[in-house]
Amino acid sequence: MITKIYRVKGTFVMGDEYHKFTKEYKATCEDDVEQKIYQRFGSKHGINRNQISIKEIEEIAPEDVLDPIVKEIL
């Protein structure tokens, strides 16, 4: 399978506050990226899926990657 790079933008709730996020992941499809977001935010912040709102998932070119970890694995 061919992997692509995706940029995900959205918000999540912690306590009484909304926080914006932008993450980049390498995955085979948008559904995989969505599941990674839910898994990692749930694990790291202890929040439920209904507290995460994904606003946008877009495929990006390798030269548009900003995340240094994703750049390293390209």
N, C-alpha and C. Protein backbone atom coordinates (compact mmCIF):
# COMPACT_ATOMS: atom_id res chain seq x y z
N MET A 1 0.82 -1.19 0.00
CA MET A 1 0.00 0.00 0.00
C MET A 1 0.86 1.25 0.00
N ILE A 2 0.41 2.25 -0.68
CA ILE A 2 1.12 3.51 -0.76
C ILE A 2 0.66 4.40 0.39
N THR A 3 1.64 4.95 1.10
CA THR A 3 1.30 5.86 2.19
C THR A 3 1.35 7.30 1.70
N LYS A 4 0.52 8.12 2.31
CA LYS A 4 0.44 9.54 1.98
C LYS A 4 0.60 10.32 3.27
N ILE A 5 0.82 11.60 3.12
CA ILE A 5 0.98 12.46 4.30
C ILE A 5 -0.26 13.34 4.40
N TYR A 6 -0.81 13.39 5.61
CA TYR A 6 -2.03 14.15 5.85
C TYR A 6 -1.80 15.18 6.95
N ARG A 7 -2.44 16.33 6.80
CA ARG A 7 -2.46 17.36 7.85
C ARG A 7 -3.89 17.42 8.40
N VAL A 8 -4.00 17.32 9.71
CA VAL A 8 -5.30 17.31 10.37
C VAL A 8 -5.42 18.54 11.25
N LYS A 9 -6.55 19.24 11.12
CA LYS A 9 -6.81 20.42 11.95
C LYS A 9 -8.14 20.21 12.68
N GLY A 10 -8.19 20.68 13.92
CA GLY A 10 -9.41 20.55 14.68
C GLY A 10 -9.28 21.15 16.06
N THR A 11 -10.22 20.76 16.93
CA THR A 11 -10.22 21.25 18.31
C THR A 11 -10.51 20.08 19.24
N PHE A 12 -10.13 20.24 20.49
CA PHE A 12 -10.49 19.27 21.52
C PHE A 12 -10.78 20.00 22.82
N VAL A 13 -11.56 19.36 23.67
CA VAL A 13 -11.98 19.95 24.94
C VAL A 13 -11.17 19.34 26.07
N MET A 14 -10.57 20.22 26.88
CA MET A 14 -9.93 19.79 28.12
C MET A 14 -10.45 20.71 29.21
N GLY A 15 -11.16 20.12 30.14
CA GLY A 15 -11.78 20.93 31.19
C GLY A 15 -12.89 21.78 30.59
N ASP A 16 -12.79 23.08 30.78
CA ASP A 16 -13.80 24.00 30.24
C ASP A 16 -13.30 24.73 29.00
N GLU A 17 -12.12 24.38 28.51
CA GLU A 17 -11.52 25.13 27.41
C GLU A 17 -11.41 24.29 26.13
N TYR A 18 -11.57 24.98 25.00
CA TYR A 18 -11.33 24.38 23.69
C TYR A 18 -9.90 24.71 23.26
N HIS A 19 -9.20 23.72 22.73
CA HIS A 19 -7.83 23.92 22.26
C HIS A 19 -7.76 23.51 20.80
N LYS A 20 -7.11 24.35 19.97
CA LYS A 20 -6.92 24.02 18.57
C LYS A 20 -5.70 23.12 18.42
N PHE A 21 -5.71 22.29 17.39
CA PHE A 21 -4.55 21.47 17.09
C PHE A 21 -4.36 21.34 15.59
N THR A 22 -3.12 21.12 15.20
CA THR A 22 -2.74 20.77 13.83
C THR A 22 -1.70 19.67 13.94
N LYS A 23 -1.98 18.54 13.33
CA LYS A 23 -1.07 17.39 13.38
C LYS A 23 -0.83 16.88 11.97
N GLU A 24 0.33 16.27 11.77
CA GLU A 24 0.65 15.65 10.48
C GLU A 24 0.99 14.19 10.72
N TYR A 25 0.43 13.33 9.88
CA TYR A 25 0.64 11.89 9.99
C TYR A 25 0.85 11.27 8.63
N LYS A 26 1.58 10.20 8.61
CA LYS A 26 1.77 9.39 7.41
C LYS A 26 0.85 8.18 7.55
N ALA A 27 -0.03 7.98 6.56
CA ALA A 27 -1.00 6.88 6.63
C ALA A 27 -1.44 6.49 5.23
N THR A 28 -2.19 5.40 5.14
CA THR A 28 -2.66 4.92 3.84
C THR A 28 -3.95 5.58 3.39
N CYS A 29 -4.77 6.05 4.34
CA CYS A 29 -6.03 6.69 3.97
C CYS A 29 -6.49 7.64 5.09
N GLU A 30 -7.48 8.45 4.79
CA GLU A 30 -7.98 9.42 5.76
C GLU A 30 -8.59 8.75 6.99
N ASP A 31 -9.23 7.60 6.81
CA ASP A 31 -9.82 6.89 7.95
C ASP A 31 -8.76 6.48 8.96
N ASP A 32 -7.60 6.04 8.47
CA ASP A 32 -6.51 5.66 9.37
C ASP A 32 -6.01 6.87 10.17
N VAL A 33 -5.92 8.01 9.52
CA VAL A 33 -5.48 9.23 10.19
C VAL A 33 -6.48 9.62 11.27
N GLU A 34 -7.75 9.55 10.95
CA GLU A 34 -8.80 9.89 11.92
C GLU A 34 -8.69 9.00 13.16
N GLN A 35 -8.49 7.72 12.96
CA GLN A 35 -8.35 6.80 14.09
C GLN A 35 -7.10 7.09 14.91
N LYS A 36 -5.99 7.46 14.24
CA LYS A 36 -4.76 7.82 14.95
C LYS A 36 -4.99 9.04 15.85
N ILE A 37 -5.72 10.02 15.34
CA ILE A 37 -6.02 11.22 16.14
C ILE A 37 -6.77 10.82 17.40
N TYR A 38 -7.84 10.05 17.24
CA TYR A 38 -8.63 9.63 18.40
C TYR A 38 -7.80 8.82 19.39
N GLN A 39 -6.98 7.91 18.88
CA GLN A 39 -6.15 7.07 19.76
C GLN A 39 -5.13 7.89 20.53
N ARG A 40 -4.41 8.75 19.84
CA ARG A 40 -3.31 9.48 20.48
C ARG A 40 -3.80 10.55 21.44
N PHE A 41 -4.87 11.26 21.06
CA PHE A 41 -5.41 12.28 21.97
C PHE A 41 -6.04 11.60 23.19
N GLY A 42 -6.73 10.50 22.98
CA GLY A 42 -7.32 9.77 24.09
C GLY A 42 -6.26 9.26 25.05
N SER A 43 -5.18 8.74 24.50
CA SER A 43 -4.10 8.20 25.30
C SER A 43 -3.33 9.31 26.03
N LYS A 44 -2.99 10.35 25.31
CA LYS A 44 -2.15 11.42 25.88
C LYS A 44 -2.92 12.32 26.84
N HIS A 45 -4.15 12.69 26.48
CA HIS A 45 -4.91 13.66 27.27
C HIS A 45 -6.05 13.04 28.08
N GLY A 46 -6.32 11.75 27.87
CA GLY A 46 -7.38 11.10 28.62
C GLY A 46 -8.76 11.63 28.29
N ILE A 47 -9.00 11.93 27.02
CA ILE A 47 -10.30 12.46 26.60
C ILE A 47 -11.01 11.46 25.69
N ASN A 48 -12.32 11.60 25.61
CA ASN A 48 -13.14 10.71 24.78
C ASN A 48 -13.22 11.23 23.35
N ARG A 49 -13.65 10.36 22.45
CA ARG A 49 -13.78 10.73 21.04
C ARG A 49 -14.75 11.89 20.84
N ASN A 50 -15.80 11.95 21.65
CA ASN A 50 -16.78 13.02 21.47
C ASN A 50 -16.24 14.39 21.93
N GLN A 51 -15.07 14.42 22.54
CA GLN A 51 -14.45 15.67 22.94
C GLN A 51 -13.46 16.18 21.90
N ILE A 52 -13.29 15.43 20.80
CA ILE A 52 -12.38 15.79 19.72
C ILE A 52 -13.21 16.11 18.49
N SER A 53 -12.95 17.27 17.91
CA SER A 53 -13.65 17.68 16.70
C SER A 53 -12.63 17.89 15.58
N ILE A 54 -12.66 17.01 14.59
CA ILE A 54 -11.77 17.12 13.44
C ILE A 54 -12.45 18.01 12.41
N LYS A 55 -11.83 19.14 12.09
CA LYS A 55 -12.40 20.10 11.15
C LYS A 55 -11.97 19.82 9.72
N GLU A 56 -10.72 19.37 9.54
CA GLU A 56 -10.19 19.22 8.19
C GLU A 56 -9.09 18.16 8.16
N ILE A 57 -9.14 17.31 7.14
CA ILE A 57 -8.07 16.37 6.86
C ILE A 57 -7.68 16.59 5.40
N GLU A 58 -6.43 16.98 5.17
CA GLU A 58 -6.00 17.24 3.80
C GLU A 58 -4.70 16.50 3.50
N GLU A 59 -4.59 15.99 2.31
CA GLU A 59 -3.36 15.36 1.85
C GLU A 59 -2.39 16.47 1.47
N ILE A 60 -1.14 16.32 1.90
CA ILE A 60 -0.13 17.34 1.59
C ILE A 60 1.07 16.70 0.90
N ALA A 61 1.81 17.52 0.21
CA ALA A 61 3.03 17.07 -0.48
C ALA A 61 4.17 16.97 0.53
N PRO A 62 5.14 16.09 0.28
CA PRO A 62 6.28 15.95 1.21
C PRO A 62 7.02 17.25 1.49
N GLU A 63 7.10 18.14 0.51
CA GLU A 63 7.81 19.40 0.74
C GLU A 63 7.02 20.38 1.59
N ASP A 64 5.73 20.12 1.83
CA ASP A 64 4.89 20.99 2.66
C ASP A 64 4.84 20.56 4.12
N VAL A 65 5.53 19.48 4.47
CA VAL A 65 5.51 18.96 5.84
C VAL A 65 6.24 19.93 6.77
N LEU A 66 5.61 20.23 7.91
CA LEU A 66 6.20 21.11 8.91
C LEU A 66 6.72 20.34 10.12
N ASP A 67 6.13 19.20 10.42
CA ASP A 67 6.49 18.41 11.60
C ASP A 67 7.86 17.76 11.39
N PRO A 68 8.83 18.05 12.27
CA PRO A 68 10.18 17.50 12.08
C PRO A 68 10.25 15.98 12.17
N ILE A 69 9.37 15.37 12.95
CA ILE A 69 9.37 13.91 13.06
C ILE A 69 8.87 13.27 11.77
N VAL A 70 7.84 13.83 11.18
CA VAL A 70 7.32 13.31 9.90
C VAL A 70 8.36 13.54 8.80
N LYS A 71 9.03 14.69 8.82
CA LYS A 71 10.08 14.97 7.83
C LYS A 71 11.19 13.91 7.92
N GLU A 72 11.51 13.52 9.12
CA GLU A 72 12.60 12.55 9.34
C GLU A 72 12.30 11.18 8.72
N ILE A 73 11.02 10.78 8.72
CA ILE A 73 10.68 9.45 8.22
C ILE A 73 10.43 9.43 6.72
N LEU A 74 10.49 10.58 6.05
CA LEU A 74 10.28 10.62 4.60
C LEU A 74 11.51 10.19 3.85
